[in-house]
Amino acid sequence: MFNYIIIKSKMAFISLLLLTSIALADEKEGRTFIDLPDIDNGYNIHVIYALPKDGSDEEYDLNNQISMLIYQMDKWFNNKTKKRLFEDGQHLKFDRTADDKIDITFARLDIDDSTVSKEGINAVNVIQPAISRLGFNDPKKVYFVVYGGANFDVCASSQLPGHVPISITANTAALYIPGKKSGSCIDNDGGFKPEFNNTTRYALHEVLHVLGVVPKCAPDHLVFKNEGTINDGIGGHLTISNDIMYSVQSNVTFAKARHLDFQSKNYYNHSNESCLDIAKSMYVIPTVDNPQLPTYGSE
């Protein structure tokens, strides 16, 4: 019994040394571990570079890879919204620093990669409480997490606030890099590149989800049937094949994503005042008077 206690104590000490070593290694010039003070009203999309406790640090927060991704996402969104509600279009309201750079926080999670990767499309539901335990749970914010690890099924996923009860926290979208072990999410027209590629599409699609798109009240809203796939029962998509919010049961998506609610009848600049409209969202700029927040399902 005495030897067992000694062995357990040594193992705990070694684990503590490893965690301390990782924490010290994570400390790098230019990196922040907190959400910096807001320069706006606090309603924004905060970006986190998150690693599992056994994850390798590729410094995506420091080498402009995430910033380039955000730029391409917002550039596409702005181009698709020009000459609609506003002549110059709108921008996604990402959290920024006083010098107008994207506020990216580094977070080392208290879970290992296998805990996340095995959850597939539901991995975001493991990541969300993990970042919340680190203090990233501001009720005004939604969170976009670039997760440096694997996912067995998908390249990105998100929580859909309009499809869960109001009692459920649904404020997080996640991009998994490198993602799937068979067919990496950074291969085949993907990765951090100065272009609107598949990785950018995955990311923007999921961020729009967590902002409430596509609402159930949209005329072309799609809910997947129960056919034994990872998408069974999931809503929040469109039946229109060229839209950024289009998807199919097999999860093959985005290949021809050219539009953002091109006809303005589902989720952007439509005429249904009782249905969420991302053009009138609190999370885009310019922001309209009396902006909307994501709506939730019933209790």
C-alpha atoms as a PDB file:
ATOM      1  CA  MET A   1       0.000   0.000   0.000  1.00  0.00           C
ATOM      2  CA  PHE A   2       2.839   2.367   0.922  1.00  0.00           C
ATOM      3  CA  ASN A   3       4.621   1.662  -2.412  1.00  0.00           C
ATOM      4  CA  TYR A   4       1.354   2.297  -4.278  1.00  0.00           C
ATOM      5  CA  ILE A   5       1.042   5.723  -2.660  1.00  0.00           C
ATOM      6  CA  ILE A   6       4.645   6.562  -3.572  1.00  0.00           C
ATOM      7  CA  ILE A   7       4.083   5.526  -7.205  1.00  0.00           C
ATOM      8  CA  LYS A   8       0.870   7.570  -7.418  1.00  0.00           C
ATOM      9  CA  SER A   9       2.645  10.574  -5.918  1.00  0.00           C
ATOM     10  CA  LYS A  10       5.489  10.300  -8.441  1.00  0.00           C
ATOM     11  CA  MET A  11       3.020  10.047 -11.327  1.00  0.00           C
ATOM     12  CA  ALA A  12       1.163  13.114 -10.098  1.00  0.00           C
ATOM     13  CA  PHE A  13       4.450  15.008  -9.750  1.00  0.00           C
ATOM     14  CA  ILE A  14       5.523  14.052 -13.280  1.00  0.00           C
ATOM     15  CA  SER A  15       2.137  15.124 -14.651  1.00  0.00           C
ATOM     16  CA  LEU A  16       2.487  18.453 -12.867  1.00  0.00           C
ATOM     17  CA  LEU A  17       5.957  18.958 -14.343  1.00  0.00           C
ATOM     18  CA  LEU A  18       4.648  18.202 -17.837  1.00  0.00           C
ATOM     19  CA  LEU A  19       1.750  20.619 -17.474  1.00  0.00           C
ATOM     20  CA  THR A  20       4.079  23.289 -16.134  1.00  0.00           C
ATOM     21  CA  SER A  21       6.471  22.718 -19.033  1.00  0.00           C
ATOM     22  CA  ILE A  22       3.653  23.028 -21.577  1.00  0.00           C
ATOM     23  CA  ALA A  23       2.354  26.196 -19.936  1.00  0.00           C
ATOM     24  CA  LEU A  24       5.808  27.773 -20.044  1.00  0.00           C
ATOM     25  CA  ALA A  25       6.228  26.734 -23.696  1.00  0.00           C
ATOM     26  CA  ASP A  26       2.889  28.361 -24.552  1.00  0.00           C
ATOM     27  CA  GLU A  27       4.159  31.720 -23.294  1.00  0.00           C
ATOM     28  CA  LYS A  28       5.321  33.484 -26.464  1.00  0.00           C
ATOM     29  CA  GLU A  29       5.839  37.086 -27.468  1.00  0.00           C
ATOM     30  CA  GLY A  30       2.702  38.680 -28.862  1.00  0.00           C
ATOM     31  CA  ARG A  31       0.361  35.993 -27.515  1.00  0.00           C
ATOM     32  CA  THR A  32      -2.599  36.811 -25.285  1.00  0.00           C
ATOM     33  CA  PHE A  33      -4.400  34.445 -22.935  1.00  0.00           C
ATOM     34  CA  ILE A  34      -7.356  36.702 -22.164  1.00  0.00           C
ATOM     35  CA  ASP A  35     -10.085  38.478 -24.084  1.00  0.00           C
ATOM     36  CA  LEU A  36      -8.705  42.001 -24.355  1.00  0.00           C
ATOM     37  CA  PRO A  37     -10.924  44.994 -23.452  1.00  0.00           C
ATOM     38  CA  ASP A  38     -13.601  45.592 -26.075  1.00  0.00           C
ATOM     39  CA  ILE A  39     -13.516  48.652 -28.308  1.00  0.00           C
ATOM     40  CA  ASP A  40     -17.197  48.205 -29.191  1.00  0.00           C
ATOM     41  CA  ASN A  41     -20.361  47.435 -27.203  1.00  0.00           C
ATOM     42  CA  GLY A  42     -19.157  43.909 -26.461  1.00  0.00           C
ATOM     43  CA  TYR A  43     -21.429  42.153 -28.942  1.00  0.00           C
ATOM     44  CA  ASN A  44     -18.861  40.581 -31.235  1.00  0.00           C
ATOM     45  CA  ILE A  45     -17.357  37.362 -32.555  1.00  0.00           C
ATOM     46  CA  HIS A  46     -14.349  36.519 -30.414  1.00  0.00           C
ATOM     47  CA  VAL A  47     -11.649  34.318 -31.949  1.00  0.00           C
ATOM     48  CA  ILE A  48      -9.784  31.644 -29.972  1.00  0.00           C
ATOM     49  CA  TYR A  49      -6.852  29.472 -31.018  1.00  0.00           C
ATOM     50  CA  ALA A  50      -7.429  26.429 -28.835  1.00  0.00           C
ATOM     51  CA  LEU A  51      -5.240  23.395 -28.315  1.00  0.00           C
ATOM     52  CA  PRO A  52      -5.949  20.181 -26.423  1.00  0.00           C
ATOM     53  CA  LYS A  53      -3.666  19.547 -23.470  1.00  0.00           C
ATOM     54  CA  ASP A  54      -1.605  17.173 -25.645  1.00  0.00           C
ATOM     55  CA  GLY A  55      -1.730  19.332 -28.778  1.00  0.00           C
ATOM     56  CA  SER A  56       1.158  20.751 -30.788  1.00  0.00           C
ATOM     57  CA  ASP A  57       1.398  24.534 -31.021  1.00  0.00           C
ATOM     58  CA  GLU A  58       1.582  25.674 -34.658  1.00  0.00           C
ATOM     59  CA  GLU A  59       1.377  29.339 -33.605  1.00  0.00           C
ATOM     60  CA  TYR A  60      -1.570  30.086 -35.891  1.00  0.00           C
ATOM     61  CA  ASP A  61      -2.430  33.033 -33.640  1.00  0.00           C
ATOM     62  CA  LEU A  62       1.038  34.533 -34.095  1.00  0.00           C
ATOM     63  CA  ASN A  63       1.937  33.804 -37.725  1.00  0.00           C
ATOM     64  CA  ASN A  64      -1.087  35.548 -39.260  1.00  0.00           C
ATOM     65  CA  GLN A  65      -2.724  32.308 -40.402  1.00  0.00           C
ATOM     66  CA  ILE A  66      -5.925  32.864 -38.417  1.00  0.00           C
ATOM     67  CA  SER A  67      -5.950  36.572 -39.236  1.00  0.00           C
ATOM     68  CA  MET A  68      -5.722  35.757 -42.944  1.00  0.00           C
ATOM     69  CA  LEU A  69      -8.591  33.278 -42.596  1.00  0.00           C
ATOM     70  CA  ILE A  70     -10.769  35.900 -40.870  1.00  0.00           C
ATOM     71  CA  TYR A  71      -9.899  38.454 -43.552  1.00  0.00           C
ATOM     72  CA  GLN A  72     -10.985  36.107 -46.346  1.00  0.00           C
ATOM     73  CA  MET A  73     -14.219  35.190 -44.551  1.00  0.00           C
ATOM     74  CA  ASP A  74     -15.142  38.825 -44.001  1.00  0.00           C
ATOM     75  CA  LYS A  75     -14.080  39.895 -47.493  1.00  0.00           C
ATOM     76  CA  TRP A  76     -16.423  37.337 -49.071  1.00  0.00           C
ATOM     77  CA  PHE A  77     -19.280  38.322 -46.746  1.00  0.00           C
ATOM     78  CA  ASN A  78     -18.781  42.004 -47.519  1.00  0.00           C
ATOM     79  CA  ASN A  79     -18.707  41.420 -51.286  1.00  0.00           C
ATOM     80  CA  LYS A  80     -21.941  39.423 -51.156  1.00  0.00           C
ATOM     81  CA  THR A  81     -23.737  42.122 -49.157  1.00  0.00           C
ATOM     82  CA  LYS A  82     -22.771  45.144 -51.265  1.00  0.00           C
ATOM     83  CA  LYS A  83     -25.584  47.178 -52.848  1.00  0.00           C
ATOM     84  CA  ARG A  84     -28.173  45.437 -50.705  1.00  0.00           C
ATOM     85  CA  LEU A  85     -29.141  46.897 -47.323  1.00  0.00           C
ATOM     86  CA  PHE A  86     -26.052  49.137 -47.465  1.00  0.00           C
ATOM     87  CA  GLU A  87     -24.339  50.399 -50.599  1.00  0.00           C
ATOM     88  CA  ASP A  88     -20.883  49.375 -49.338  1.00  0.00           C
ATOM     89  CA  GLY A  89     -22.138  46.152 -47.811  1.00  0.00           C
ATOM     90  CA  GLN A  90     -21.630  44.892 -44.273  1.00  0.00           C
ATOM     91  CA  HIS A  91     -18.849  43.223 -42.327  1.00  0.00           C
ATOM     92  CA  LEU A  92     -18.886  40.501 -39.711  1.00  0.00           C
ATOM     93  CA  LYS A  93     -18.283  42.077 -36.325  1.00  0.00           C
ATOM     94  CA  PHE A  94     -15.157  40.258 -35.196  1.00  0.00           C
ATOM     95  CA  ASP A  95     -13.631  41.285 -31.889  1.00  0.00           C
ATOM     96  CA  ARG A  96     -10.760  43.694 -32.544  1.00  0.00           C
ATOM     97  CA  THR A  97      -7.989  45.379 -30.622  1.00  0.00           C
ATOM     98  CA  ALA A  98      -7.459  49.117 -30.257  1.00  0.00           C
ATOM     99  CA  ASP A  99      -5.185  49.057 -33.326  1.00  0.00           C
ATOM    100  CA  ASP A 100      -7.910  47.300 -35.396  1.00  0.00           C
ATOM    101  CA  LYS A 101      -6.296  43.856 -35.401  1.00  0.00           C
ATOM    102  CA  ILE A 102      -8.289  40.707 -34.730  1.00  0.00           C
ATOM    103  CA  ASP A 103      -8.313  39.959 -30.995  1.00  0.00           C
ATOM    104  CA  ILE A 104      -7.172  36.314 -30.938  1.00  0.00           C
ATOM    105  CA  THR A 105      -6.887  34.540 -27.610  1.00  0.00           C
ATOM    106  CA  PHE A 106      -4.754  31.446 -27.050  1.00  0.00           C
ATOM    107  CA  ALA A 107      -6.332  28.717 -24.919  1.00  0.00           C
ATOM    108  CA  ARG A 108      -4.812  25.432 -23.762  1.00  0.00           C
ATOM    109  CA  LEU A 109      -7.816  23.224 -22.956  1.00  0.00           C
ATOM    110  CA  ASP A 110      -8.042  20.799 -20.036  1.00  0.00           C
ATOM    111  CA  ILE A 111      -9.014  17.900 -22.327  1.00  0.00           C
ATOM    112  CA  ASP A 112      -6.950  15.742 -24.677  1.00  0.00           C
ATOM    113  CA  ASP A 113      -7.338  15.457 -28.433  1.00  0.00           C
ATOM    114  CA  SER A 114      -8.999  12.046 -28.374  1.00  0.00           C
ATOM    115  CA  THR A 115     -11.788  13.438 -26.178  1.00  0.00           C
ATOM    116  CA  VAL A 116     -12.574  15.998 -28.879  1.00  0.00           C
ATOM    117  CA  SER A 117     -11.863  14.091 -32.082  1.00  0.00           C
ATOM    118  CA  LYS A 118     -14.046  11.074 -31.302  1.00  0.00           C
ATOM    119  CA  GLU A 119     -17.123  13.299 -31.006  1.00  0.00           C
ATOM    120  CA  GLY A 120     -17.123  14.150 -34.710  1.00  0.00           C
ATOM    121  CA  ILE A 121     -19.775  16.702 -35.618  1.00  0.00           C
ATOM    122  CA  ASN A 122     -20.614  17.101 -31.914  1.00  0.00           C
ATOM    123  CA  ALA A 123     -17.046  17.993 -30.915  1.00  0.00           C
ATOM    124  CA  VAL A 124     -18.026  21.647 -30.618  1.00  0.00           C
ATOM    125  CA  ASN A 125     -20.255  20.618 -27.714  1.00  0.00           C
ATOM    126  CA  VAL A 126     -17.112  19.434 -25.903  1.00  0.00           C
ATOM    127  CA  ILE A 127     -15.080  22.509 -26.830  1.00  0.00           C
ATOM    128  CA  GLN A 128     -17.719  25.014 -25.717  1.00  0.00           C
ATOM    129  CA  PRO A 129     -17.773  23.965 -22.024  1.00  0.00           C
ATOM    130  CA  ALA A 130     -13.972  23.644 -22.096  1.00  0.00           C
ATOM    131  CA  ILE A 131     -13.493  27.278 -23.138  1.00  0.00           C
ATOM    132  CA  SER A 132     -16.239  28.302 -20.721  1.00  0.00           C
ATOM    133  CA  ARG A 133     -14.249  26.773 -17.851  1.00  0.00           C
ATOM    134  CA  LEU A 134     -11.413  29.088 -18.868  1.00  0.00           C
ATOM    135  CA  GLY A 135     -13.691  32.104 -18.606  1.00  0.00           C
ATOM    136  CA  PHE A 136     -14.813  32.463 -22.196  1.00  0.00           C
ATOM    137  CA  ASN A 137     -18.526  32.675 -21.508  1.00  0.00           C
ATOM    138  CA  ASP A 138     -19.448  36.316 -22.012  1.00  0.00           C
ATOM    139  CA  PRO A 139     -23.196  36.342 -22.771  1.00  0.00           C
ATOM    140  CA  LYS A 140     -22.723  39.117 -25.313  1.00  0.00           C
ATOM    141  CA  LYS A 141     -20.212  37.199 -27.397  1.00  0.00           C
ATOM    142  CA  VAL A 142     -20.191  34.309 -29.781  1.00  0.00           C
ATOM    143  CA  TYR A 143     -16.962  32.345 -30.099  1.00  0.00           C
ATOM    144  CA  PHE A 144     -15.135  31.131 -33.194  1.00  0.00           C
ATOM    145  CA  VAL A 145     -12.575  28.508 -32.188  1.00  0.00           C
ATOM    146  CA  VAL A 146      -9.751  27.378 -34.434  1.00  0.00           C
ATOM    147  CA  TYR A 147      -8.990  24.032 -32.817  1.00  0.00           C
ATOM    148  CA  GLY A 148      -5.509  22.633 -33.429  1.00  0.00           C
ATOM    149  CA  GLY A 149      -6.338  18.949 -33.481  1.00  0.00           C
ATOM    150  CA  ALA A 150      -8.215  16.111 -35.122  1.00  0.00           C
ATOM    151  CA  ASN A 151     -11.834  15.335 -35.860  1.00  0.00           C
ATOM    152  CA  PHE A 152     -12.863  11.926 -37.165  1.00  0.00           C
ATOM    153  CA  ASP A 153     -15.846  13.135 -39.200  1.00  0.00           C
ATOM    154  CA  VAL A 154     -15.870  16.814 -40.114  1.00  0.00           C
ATOM    155  CA  CYS A 155     -13.706  19.850 -40.813  1.00  0.00           C
ATOM    156  CA  ALA A 156     -15.931  22.238 -38.870  1.00  0.00           C
ATOM    157  CA  SER A 157     -19.112  22.282 -36.811  1.00  0.00           C
ATOM    158  CA  SER A 158     -21.151  24.654 -34.687  1.00  0.00           C
ATOM    159  CA  GLN A 159     -23.963  25.031 -32.237  1.00  0.00           C
ATOM    160  CA  LEU A 160     -27.269  26.226 -33.671  1.00  0.00           C
ATOM    161  CA  PRO A 161     -29.031  28.598 -31.254  1.00  0.00           C
ATOM    162  CA  GLY A 162     -32.320  28.533 -33.166  1.00  0.00           C
ATOM    163  CA  HIS A 163     -32.547  24.774 -32.827  1.00  0.00           C
ATOM    164  CA  VAL A 164     -31.974  24.297 -29.083  1.00  0.00           C
ATOM    165  CA  PRO A 165     -33.900  25.408 -25.975  1.00  0.00           C
ATOM    166  CA  ILE A 166     -32.978  28.805 -24.560  1.00  0.00           C
ATOM    167  CA  SER A 167     -31.594  27.027 -21.485  1.00  0.00           C
ATOM    168  CA  ILE A 168     -28.805  25.490 -23.615  1.00  0.00           C
ATOM    169  CA  THR A 169     -25.626  27.459 -24.287  1.00  0.00           C
ATOM    170  CA  ALA A 170     -25.133  27.610 -28.051  1.00  0.00           C
ATOM    171  CA  ASN A 171     -22.524  30.270 -28.744  1.00  0.00           C
ATOM    172  CA  THR A 172     -19.592  28.472 -30.373  1.00  0.00           C
ATOM    173  CA  ALA A 173     -18.414  27.525 -33.862  1.00  0.00           C
ATOM    174  CA  ALA A 174     -15.269  25.462 -34.395  1.00  0.00           C
ATOM    175  CA  LEU A 175     -12.849  24.790 -37.228  1.00  0.00           C
ATOM    176  CA  TYR A 176     -10.686  21.669 -36.832  1.00  0.00           C
ATOM    177  CA  ILE A 177      -7.133  21.881 -38.182  1.00  0.00           C
ATOM    178  CA  PRO A 178      -5.819  19.480 -39.461  1.00  0.00           C
ATOM    179  CA  GLY A 179      -9.204  17.867 -38.863  1.00  0.00           C
ATOM    180  CA  LYS A 180     -10.146  14.562 -40.428  1.00  0.00           C
ATOM    181  CA  LYS A 181      -7.406  11.925 -40.355  1.00  0.00           C
ATOM    182  CA  SER A 182      -8.569  10.516 -43.698  1.00  0.00           C
ATOM    183  CA  GLY A 183      -8.696  13.418 -46.113  1.00  0.00           C
ATOM    184  CA  SER A 184      -7.238  16.291 -44.147  1.00  0.00           C
ATOM    185  CA  CYS A 185      -9.241  19.484 -43.929  1.00  0.00           C
ATOM    186  CA  ILE A 186      -6.216  21.432 -45.109  1.00  0.00           C
ATOM    187  CA  ASP A 187      -5.797  19.435 -48.323  1.00  0.00           C
ATOM    188  CA  ASN A 188      -7.839  19.548 -51.529  1.00  0.00           C
ATOM    189  CA  ASP A 189      -8.319  23.300 -51.953  1.00  0.00           C
ATOM    190  CA  GLY A 190      -8.102  24.022 -48.240  1.00  0.00           C
ATOM    191  CA  GLY A 191      -5.792  25.370 -45.568  1.00  0.00           C
ATOM    192  CA  PHE A 192      -4.759  28.854 -44.550  1.00  0.00           C
ATOM    193  CA  LYS A 193      -4.316  30.610 -47.895  1.00  0.00           C
ATOM    194  CA  PRO A 194      -4.932  34.142 -49.232  1.00  0.00           C
ATOM    195  CA  GLU A 195      -8.100  33.019 -51.027  1.00  0.00           C
ATOM    196  CA  PHE A 196     -11.674  31.970 -50.369  1.00  0.00           C
ATOM    197  CA  ASN A 197     -11.094  28.216 -50.371  1.00  0.00           C
ATOM    198  CA  ASN A 198     -12.843  25.260 -48.745  1.00  0.00           C
ATOM    199  CA  THR A 199     -11.378  25.944 -45.302  1.00  0.00           C
ATOM    200  CA  THR A 200     -12.724  29.490 -45.472  1.00  0.00           C
ATOM    201  CA  ARG A 201     -16.117  28.184 -46.587  1.00  0.00           C
ATOM    202  CA  TYR A 202     -16.272  25.698 -43.720  1.00  0.00           C
ATOM    203  CA  ALA A 203     -15.435  28.429 -41.236  1.00  0.00           C
ATOM    204  CA  LEU A 204     -17.875  31.030 -42.571  1.00  0.00           C
ATOM    205  CA  HIS A 205     -20.689  28.475 -42.865  1.00  0.00           C
ATOM    206  CA  GLU A 206     -20.314  27.549 -39.186  1.00  0.00           C
ATOM    207  CA  VAL A 207     -19.965  31.135 -37.956  1.00  0.00           C
ATOM    208  CA  LEU A 208     -23.212  32.017 -39.750  1.00  0.00           C
ATOM    209  CA  HIS A 209     -24.821  29.021 -38.028  1.00  0.00           C
ATOM    210  CA  VAL A 210     -23.902  30.274 -34.567  1.00  0.00           C
ATOM    211  CA  LEU A 211     -25.291  33.701 -35.489  1.00  0.00           C
ATOM    212  CA  GLY A 212     -28.655  32.011 -36.065  1.00  0.00           C
ATOM    213  CA  VAL A 213     -28.580  31.112 -39.751  1.00  0.00           C
ATOM    214  CA  VAL A 214     -30.662  29.497 -41.203  1.00  0.00           C
ATOM    215  CA  PRO A 215     -33.751  30.250 -39.056  1.00  0.00           C
ATOM    216  CA  LYS A 216     -36.584  27.724 -39.000  1.00  0.00           C
ATOM    217  CA  CYS A 217     -38.955  30.364 -40.390  1.00  0.00           C
ATOM    218  CA  ALA A 218     -36.988  30.664 -43.652  1.00  0.00           C
ATOM    219  CA  PRO A 219     -39.076  29.411 -46.611  1.00  0.00           C
ATOM    220  CA  ASP A 220     -36.256  27.207 -47.923  1.00  0.00           C
ATOM    221  CA  HIS A 221     -35.071  25.921 -44.532  1.00  0.00           C
ATOM    222  CA  LEU A 222     -33.888  22.301 -44.622  1.00  0.00           C
ATOM    223  CA  VAL A 223     -33.930  19.714 -41.840  1.00  0.00           C
ATOM    224  CA  PHE A 224     -32.122  16.460 -42.626  1.00  0.00           C
ATOM    225  CA  LYS A 225     -34.099  13.247 -42.453  1.00  0.00           C
ATOM    226  CA  ASN A 226     -33.105  10.288 -40.296  1.00  0.00           C
ATOM    227  CA  GLU A 227     -31.080   8.231 -42.760  1.00  0.00           C
ATOM    228  CA  GLY A 228     -28.280   6.909 -40.563  1.00  0.00           C
ATOM    229  CA  THR A 229     -25.814   9.728 -41.294  1.00  0.00           C
ATOM    230  CA  ILE A 230     -23.983  12.160 -39.008  1.00  0.00           C
ATOM    231  CA  ASN A 231     -26.426  14.869 -40.103  1.00  0.00           C
ATOM    232  CA  ASP A 232     -29.641  13.121 -39.038  1.00  0.00           C
ATOM    233  CA  GLY A 233     -32.183  15.606 -37.708  1.00  0.00           C
ATOM    234  CA  ILE A 234     -29.904  18.628 -38.078  1.00  0.00           C
ATOM    235  CA  GLY A 235     -31.502  21.843 -39.328  1.00  0.00           C
ATOM    236  CA  GLY A 236     -30.177  25.274 -40.181  1.00  0.00           C
ATOM    237  CA  HIS A 237     -29.432  24.684 -43.852  1.00  0.00           C
ATOM    238  CA  LEU A 238     -30.931  25.618 -47.210  1.00  0.00           C
ATOM    239  CA  THR A 239     -32.118  23.514 -50.117  1.00  0.00           C
ATOM    240  CA  ILE A 240     -30.527  26.008 -52.554  1.00  0.00           C
ATOM    241  CA  SER A 241     -27.381  24.383 -53.911  1.00  0.00           C
ATOM    242  CA  ASN A 242     -25.315  27.510 -54.659  1.00  0.00           C
ATOM    243  CA  ASP A 243     -25.796  29.102 -51.240  1.00  0.00           C
ATOM    244  CA  ILE A 244     -23.109  29.221 -48.536  1.00  0.00           C
ATOM    245  CA  MET A 245     -25.666  27.590 -46.203  1.00  0.00           C
ATOM    246  CA  TYR A 246     -26.430  24.695 -48.524  1.00  0.00           C
ATOM    247  CA  SER A 247     -25.604  21.193 -47.373  1.00  0.00           C
ATOM    248  CA  VAL A 248     -26.690  17.666 -48.135  1.00  0.00           C
ATOM    249  CA  GLN A 249     -27.316  14.598 -46.031  1.00  0.00           C
ATOM    250  CA  SER A 250     -23.946  13.051 -46.901  1.00  0.00           C
ATOM    251  CA  ASN A 251     -22.161  16.171 -45.550  1.00  0.00           C
ATOM    252  CA  VAL A 252     -20.692  16.941 -48.996  1.00  0.00           C
ATOM    253  CA  THR A 253     -21.060  20.677 -48.996  1.00  0.00           C
ATOM    254  CA  PHE A 254     -19.825  24.073 -50.192  1.00  0.00           C
ATOM    255  CA  ALA A 255     -18.546  22.872 -53.591  1.00  0.00           C
ATOM    256  CA  LYS A 256     -20.552  25.535 -55.427  1.00  0.00           C
ATOM    257  CA  ALA A 257     -21.058  28.090 -52.672  1.00  0.00           C
ATOM    258  CA  ARG A 258     -21.363  31.321 -54.612  1.00  0.00           C
ATOM    259  CA  HIS A 259     -24.209  33.146 -52.894  1.00  0.00           C
ATOM    260  CA  LEU A 260     -25.391  34.539 -49.581  1.00  0.00           C
ATOM    261  CA  ASP A 261     -29.197  34.338 -49.733  1.00  0.00           C
ATOM    262  CA  PHE A 262     -29.118  35.673 -53.289  1.00  0.00           C
ATOM    263  CA  GLN A 263     -32.885  36.263 -53.461  1.00  0.00           C
ATOM    264  CA  SER A 264     -33.034  37.889 -50.005  1.00  0.00           C
ATOM    265  CA  LYS A 265     -35.867  35.721 -48.736  1.00  0.00           C
ATOM    266  CA  ASN A 266     -34.306  33.305 -46.202  1.00  0.00           C
ATOM    267  CA  TYR A 267     -31.762  34.921 -43.900  1.00  0.00           C
ATOM    268  CA  TYR A 268     -30.287  38.110 -45.373  1.00  0.00           C
ATOM    269  CA  ASN A 269     -32.206  41.356 -45.960  1.00  0.00           C
ATOM    270  CA  HIS A 270     -35.597  39.675 -46.325  1.00  0.00           C
ATOM    271  CA  SER A 271     -39.051  41.125 -45.650  1.00  0.00           C
ATOM    272  CA  ASN A 272     -40.293  38.786 -42.883  1.00  0.00           C
ATOM    273  CA  GLU A 273     -40.012  40.956 -39.772  1.00  0.00           C
ATOM    274  CA  SER A 274     -40.739  38.045 -37.436  1.00  0.00           C
ATOM    275  CA  CYS A 275     -37.852  35.952 -38.807  1.00  0.00           C
ATOM    276  CA  LEU A 276     -34.159  36.408 -38.013  1.00  0.00           C
ATOM    277  CA  ASP A 277     -32.332  38.512 -40.599  1.00  0.00           C
ATOM    278  CA  ILE A 278     -28.530  38.498 -40.461  1.00  0.00           C
ATOM    279  CA  ALA A 279     -28.452  41.909 -42.175  1.00  0.00           C
ATOM    280  CA  LYS A 280     -30.091  43.265 -39.015  1.00  0.00           C
ATOM    281  CA  SER A 281     -27.912  41.270 -36.628  1.00  0.00           C
ATOM    282  CA  MET A 282     -26.063  42.715 -33.647  1.00  0.00           C
ATOM    283  CA  TYR A 283     -22.988  40.896 -35.006  1.00  0.00           C
ATOM    284  CA  VAL A 284     -22.566  42.758 -38.301  1.00  0.00           C
ATOM    285  CA  ILE A 285     -21.476  46.305 -39.103  1.00  0.00           C
ATOM    286  CA  PRO A 286     -22.836  48.753 -40.024  1.00  0.00           C
ATOM    287  CA  THR A 287     -25.455  47.778 -37.456  1.00  0.00           C
ATOM    288  CA  VAL A 288     -29.073  48.842 -37.904  1.00  0.00           C
ATOM    289  CA  ASP A 289     -31.147  50.529 -35.237  1.00  0.00           C
ATOM    290  CA  ASN A 290     -32.813  47.970 -32.948  1.00  0.00           C
ATOM    291  CA  PRO A 291     -30.618  45.050 -34.101  1.00  0.00           C
ATOM    292  CA  GLN A 292     -31.500  41.410 -33.615  1.00  0.00           C
ATOM    293  CA  LEU A 293     -29.820  38.714 -31.534  1.00  0.00           C
ATOM    294  CA  PRO A 294     -29.912  34.996 -32.391  1.00  0.00           C
ATOM    295  CA  THR A 295     -33.235  33.458 -31.475  1.00  0.00           C
ATOM    296  CA  TYR A 296     -33.648  30.187 -29.581  1.00  0.00           C
ATOM    297  CA  GLY A 297     -36.097  27.354 -29.659  1.00  0.00           C
ATOM    298  CA  SER A 298     -38.729  26.972 -26.961  1.00  0.00           C
ATOM    299  CA  GLU A 299     -38.000  25.603 -23.500  1.00  0.00           C
END
